[in-house]
Amino acid sequence: MYCRVTDLRYKDVVNMRDGMRLGCVCDVEVDTATARIVSLVIFGRYRWFGLLGREDDIVINWCDIQLIGEDTILVNFNCPSPGPRPGFRMFGRGNR
């Protein structure tokens, strides 16, 4: 099966470890010396409708890709655990 980079952009990426949908491929990284794709990039989600920026991008190495299907890319990716999110509490004073 042959696939163009533009075809990759619209494929969903699903992590096989936990079944979580990571998003759609937004960009690819190419090694210009060898002309090979090094990794897929999934842009981070918007925070608060984009007013607070984005979450970190997810970069998946090519060796972590298990299967590229018609609509979905299956990866074996160890997602970094998100740290505590900064924010404010609307009610209460927090933990007591």
N, C-alpha and C. Protein backbone atom coordinates (compact mmCIF):
# COMPACT_ATOMS: atom_id res chain seq x y z
N MET A 1 0.84 -1.18 0.00
CA MET A 1 0.00 0.00 0.00
C MET A 1 0.88 1.23 0.00
N TYR A 2 0.61 2.13 -0.89
CA TYR A 2 1.31 3.41 -0.94
C TYR A 2 0.43 4.47 -0.32
N CYS A 3 1.06 5.42 0.35
CA CYS A 3 0.32 6.47 1.03
C CYS A 3 1.10 7.78 0.91
N ARG A 4 0.43 8.84 0.60
CA ARG A 4 1.06 10.15 0.52
C ARG A 4 1.00 10.82 1.88
N VAL A 5 1.87 11.80 2.07
CA VAL A 5 1.88 12.52 3.34
C VAL A 5 0.56 13.23 3.56
N THR A 6 -0.04 13.74 2.51
CA THR A 6 -1.34 14.41 2.67
C THR A 6 -2.42 13.43 3.10
N ASP A 7 -2.29 12.15 2.73
CA ASP A 7 -3.26 11.14 3.17
C ASP A 7 -3.08 10.83 4.66
N LEU A 8 -1.86 10.92 5.15
CA LEU A 8 -1.61 10.67 6.58
C LEU A 8 -2.26 11.72 7.46
N ARG A 9 -2.38 12.93 6.96
CA ARG A 9 -2.87 14.04 7.78
C ARG A 9 -4.29 13.84 8.28
N TYR A 10 -5.08 13.06 7.62
CA TYR A 10 -6.48 12.91 8.01
C TYR A 10 -6.77 11.60 8.73
N LYS A 11 -5.73 10.87 9.07
CA LYS A 11 -5.93 9.59 9.75
C LYS A 11 -5.92 9.78 11.27
N ASP A 12 -6.83 9.09 11.95
CA ASP A 12 -6.85 9.09 13.41
C ASP A 12 -5.71 8.23 13.93
N VAL A 13 -5.15 8.62 15.05
CA VAL A 13 -4.08 7.86 15.68
C VAL A 13 -4.62 7.30 16.99
N VAL A 14 -4.53 5.97 17.15
CA VAL A 14 -5.04 5.29 18.33
C VAL A 14 -3.88 4.55 18.99
N ASN A 15 -3.76 4.72 20.31
CA ASN A 15 -2.72 4.05 21.07
C ASN A 15 -3.19 2.65 21.43
N MET A 16 -2.39 1.64 21.09
CA MET A 16 -2.76 0.25 21.37
C MET A 16 -2.62 -0.10 22.84
N ARG A 17 -1.83 0.64 23.59
CA ARG A 17 -1.63 0.32 25.01
C ARG A 17 -2.88 0.53 25.84
N ASP A 18 -3.60 1.64 25.57
CA ASP A 18 -4.78 1.92 26.38
C ASP A 18 -6.03 2.17 25.55
N GLY A 19 -5.93 2.10 24.22
CA GLY A 19 -7.09 2.30 23.36
C GLY A 19 -7.50 3.75 23.21
N MET A 20 -6.70 4.68 23.68
CA MET A 20 -7.05 6.09 23.65
C MET A 20 -6.78 6.69 22.26
N ARG A 21 -7.70 7.51 21.80
CA ARG A 21 -7.51 8.24 20.55
C ARG A 21 -6.64 9.45 20.85
N LEU A 22 -5.50 9.54 20.17
CA LEU A 22 -4.55 10.62 20.42
C LEU A 22 -4.84 11.85 19.58
N GLY A 23 -5.52 11.69 18.47
CA GLY A 23 -5.84 12.80 17.58
C GLY A 23 -5.51 12.45 16.15
N CYS A 24 -5.49 13.44 15.28
CA CYS A 24 -5.15 13.25 13.88
C CYS A 24 -3.72 13.71 13.64
N VAL A 25 -3.10 13.11 12.66
CA VAL A 25 -1.74 13.51 12.28
C VAL A 25 -1.80 14.93 11.73
N CYS A 26 -0.98 15.81 12.28
CA CYS A 26 -0.95 17.20 11.83
C CYS A 26 0.29 17.52 11.01
N ASP A 27 1.38 16.83 11.29
CA ASP A 27 2.63 17.12 10.62
C ASP A 27 3.51 15.88 10.67
N VAL A 28 4.55 15.86 9.86
CA VAL A 28 5.54 14.79 9.89
C VAL A 28 6.92 15.42 9.96
N GLU A 29 7.85 14.70 10.57
CA GLU A 29 9.25 15.12 10.59
C GLU A 29 10.01 14.23 9.63
N VAL A 30 10.80 14.86 8.77
CA VAL A 30 11.54 14.15 7.73
C VAL A 30 13.03 14.37 7.93
N ASP A 31 13.80 13.29 7.84
CA ASP A 31 15.26 13.39 7.86
C ASP A 31 15.69 13.71 6.43
N THR A 32 16.20 14.91 6.22
CA THR A 32 16.54 15.34 4.87
C THR A 32 17.77 14.63 4.31
N ALA A 33 18.61 14.08 5.17
CA ALA A 33 19.80 13.37 4.70
C ALA A 33 19.43 12.02 4.08
N THR A 34 18.45 11.33 4.68
CA THR A 34 18.07 10.01 4.18
C THR A 34 16.72 10.01 3.46
N ALA A 35 16.03 11.13 3.49
CA ALA A 35 14.70 11.27 2.86
C ALA A 35 13.70 10.27 3.42
N ARG A 36 13.73 10.08 4.74
CA ARG A 36 12.79 9.18 5.41
C ARG A 36 11.99 9.93 6.47
N ILE A 37 10.77 9.47 6.70
CA ILE A 37 9.95 10.05 7.75
C ILE A 37 10.47 9.54 9.09
N VAL A 38 10.72 10.47 10.01
CA VAL A 38 11.25 10.12 11.32
C VAL A 38 10.14 9.98 12.35
N SER A 39 9.16 10.88 12.30
CA SER A 39 8.10 10.83 13.30
C SER A 39 6.84 11.53 12.80
N LEU A 40 5.73 11.22 13.46
CA LEU A 40 4.46 11.88 13.23
C LEU A 40 4.21 12.85 14.37
N VAL A 41 3.61 13.99 14.06
CA VAL A 41 3.34 15.01 15.07
C VAL A 41 1.83 15.23 15.15
N ILE A 42 1.32 15.19 16.37
CA ILE A 42 -0.08 15.50 16.64
C ILE A 42 -0.08 16.75 17.50
N PHE A 43 -0.69 17.82 16.98
CA PHE A 43 -0.71 19.07 17.74
C PHE A 43 -1.52 18.90 19.02
N GLY A 44 -1.10 19.60 20.07
CA GLY A 44 -1.80 19.55 21.34
C GLY A 44 -3.18 20.19 21.24
N ARG A 45 -4.07 19.76 22.12
CA ARG A 45 -5.43 20.30 22.12
C ARG A 45 -5.44 21.73 22.64
N TYR A 46 -6.41 22.49 22.16
CA TYR A 46 -6.58 23.85 22.65
C TYR A 46 -7.03 23.84 24.10
N ARG A 47 -6.54 24.80 24.87
CA ARG A 47 -6.99 24.97 26.24
C ARG A 47 -7.88 26.19 26.31
N TRP A 48 -9.03 26.00 26.86
CA TRP A 48 -10.03 27.05 27.04
C TRP A 48 -10.27 27.79 25.72
N PHE A 49 -10.70 27.05 24.72
CA PHE A 49 -11.05 27.56 23.40
C PHE A 49 -9.89 28.27 22.70
N GLY A 50 -8.68 27.93 23.05
CA GLY A 50 -7.51 28.51 22.41
C GLY A 50 -7.00 29.78 23.07
N LEU A 51 -7.74 30.29 24.05
CA LEU A 51 -7.31 31.52 24.72
C LEU A 51 -6.10 31.30 25.60
N LEU A 52 -5.93 30.08 26.11
CA LEU A 52 -4.79 29.79 26.98
C LEU A 52 -3.72 28.97 26.25
N GLY A 53 -3.75 28.99 24.93
CA GLY A 53 -2.74 28.27 24.16
C GLY A 53 -3.12 26.82 23.93
N ARG A 54 -2.09 26.01 23.75
CA ARG A 54 -2.29 24.59 23.48
C ARG A 54 -1.56 23.75 24.51
N GLU A 55 -1.99 22.49 24.60
CA GLU A 55 -1.22 21.51 25.36
C GLU A 55 0.01 21.14 24.54
N ASP A 56 0.92 20.36 25.10
CA ASP A 56 2.13 19.96 24.39
C ASP A 56 1.78 19.07 23.20
N ASP A 57 2.58 19.19 22.15
CA ASP A 57 2.41 18.33 20.98
C ASP A 57 2.83 16.91 21.32
N ILE A 58 2.24 15.94 20.64
CA ILE A 58 2.62 14.54 20.80
C ILE A 58 3.46 14.16 19.58
N VAL A 59 4.67 13.70 19.83
CA VAL A 59 5.58 13.29 18.76
C VAL A 59 5.76 11.78 18.87
N ILE A 60 5.38 11.07 17.80
CA ILE A 60 5.44 9.61 17.79
C ILE A 60 6.52 9.18 16.81
N ASN A 61 7.51 8.48 17.31
CA ASN A 61 8.59 7.99 16.45
C ASN A 61 8.06 6.96 15.47
N TRP A 62 8.70 6.89 14.32
CA TRP A 62 8.26 5.98 13.27
C TRP A 62 8.31 4.52 13.73
N CYS A 63 9.28 4.20 14.58
CA CYS A 63 9.40 2.81 15.06
C CYS A 63 8.25 2.42 15.99
N ASP A 64 7.50 3.38 16.52
CA ASP A 64 6.36 3.09 17.40
C ASP A 64 5.07 2.81 16.63
N ILE A 65 5.08 3.02 15.33
CA ILE A 65 3.89 2.77 14.52
C ILE A 65 3.78 1.27 14.26
N GLN A 66 2.62 0.71 14.58
CA GLN A 66 2.38 -0.72 14.40
C GLN A 66 1.66 -1.02 13.09
N LEU A 67 0.67 -0.19 12.74
CA LEU A 67 -0.14 -0.47 11.57
C LEU A 67 -0.72 0.83 11.02
N ILE A 68 -0.66 0.99 9.70
CA ILE A 68 -1.30 2.12 9.05
C ILE A 68 -2.44 1.56 8.22
N GLY A 69 -3.67 1.86 8.63
CA GLY A 69 -4.84 1.36 7.95
C GLY A 69 -5.46 2.41 7.05
N GLU A 70 -6.66 2.12 6.55
CA GLU A 70 -7.35 3.05 5.66
C GLU A 70 -7.72 4.35 6.37
N ASP A 71 -8.21 4.26 7.61
CA ASP A 71 -8.67 5.43 8.34
C ASP A 71 -7.90 5.69 9.62
N THR A 72 -7.17 4.70 10.12
CA THR A 72 -6.58 4.77 11.45
C THR A 72 -5.13 4.32 11.42
N ILE A 73 -4.33 4.92 12.29
CA ILE A 73 -2.95 4.51 12.51
C ILE A 73 -2.87 3.97 13.94
N LEU A 74 -2.43 2.73 14.10
CA LEU A 74 -2.27 2.13 15.41
C LEU A 74 -0.82 2.28 15.84
N VAL A 75 -0.62 2.79 17.06
CA VAL A 75 0.74 3.00 17.57
C VAL A 75 0.88 2.32 18.93
N ASN A 76 2.09 1.96 19.26
CA ASN A 76 2.43 1.42 20.57
C ASN A 76 3.28 2.50 21.24
N PHE A 77 2.60 3.42 21.92
CA PHE A 77 3.22 4.66 22.38
C PHE A 77 3.03 4.79 23.89
N ASN A 78 4.10 5.11 24.58
CA ASN A 78 4.03 5.35 26.01
C ASN A 78 3.77 6.83 26.23
N CYS A 79 2.51 7.18 26.45
CA CYS A 79 2.14 8.58 26.64
C CYS A 79 2.70 9.10 27.95
N PRO A 80 3.34 10.27 27.92
CA PRO A 80 3.78 10.85 29.20
C PRO A 80 2.57 11.25 30.01
N SER A 81 2.62 10.98 31.30
CA SER A 81 1.49 11.33 32.15
C SER A 81 1.44 12.84 32.33
N PRO A 82 0.27 13.42 32.16
CA PRO A 82 0.17 14.87 32.31
C PRO A 82 0.35 15.27 33.77
N GLY A 83 1.04 16.34 33.97
CA GLY A 83 1.25 16.85 35.32
C GLY A 83 0.02 17.58 35.81
N PRO A 84 0.10 18.13 37.01
CA PRO A 84 -1.05 18.88 37.50
C PRO A 84 -1.28 20.11 36.65
N ARG A 85 -2.51 20.35 36.32
CA ARG A 85 -2.85 21.49 35.49
C ARG A 85 -3.02 22.73 36.35
N PRO A 86 -2.41 23.83 35.94
CA PRO A 86 -2.64 25.06 36.68
C PRO A 86 -4.05 25.55 36.42
N GLY A 87 -4.62 26.20 37.37
CA GLY A 87 -5.97 26.70 37.20
C GLY A 87 -6.47 27.32 38.48
N PHE A 88 -7.69 27.68 38.47
CA PHE A 88 -8.27 28.27 39.66
C PHE A 88 -9.49 27.47 40.05
N ARG A 89 -9.87 27.62 41.29
CA ARG A 89 -11.07 26.95 41.78
C ARG A 89 -12.17 28.01 41.89
N MET A 90 -13.32 27.65 41.37
CA MET A 90 -14.40 28.61 41.42
C MET A 90 -15.09 28.62 42.78
N PHE A 91 -15.16 27.47 43.42
CA PHE A 91 -15.87 27.39 44.69
C PHE A 91 -14.95 26.77 45.73
N GLY A 92 -15.06 27.21 46.93
CA GLY A 92 -14.30 26.62 48.03
C GLY A 92 -12.88 27.13 48.08
N ARG A 93 -12.15 26.65 49.08
CA ARG A 93 -10.78 27.07 49.29
C ARG A 93 -9.80 25.95 49.05
N GLY A 94 -10.22 24.91 48.41
CA GLY A 94 -9.31 23.79 48.16
C GLY A 94 -9.44 22.71 49.21
N ASN A 95 -8.45 21.87 49.31
CA ASN A 95 -8.47 20.75 50.28
C ASN A 95 -8.21 21.25 51.68
N ARG A 96 -8.88 20.66 52.61
CA ARG A 96 -8.67 21.07 54.01
C ARG A 96 -8.12 19.94 54.79
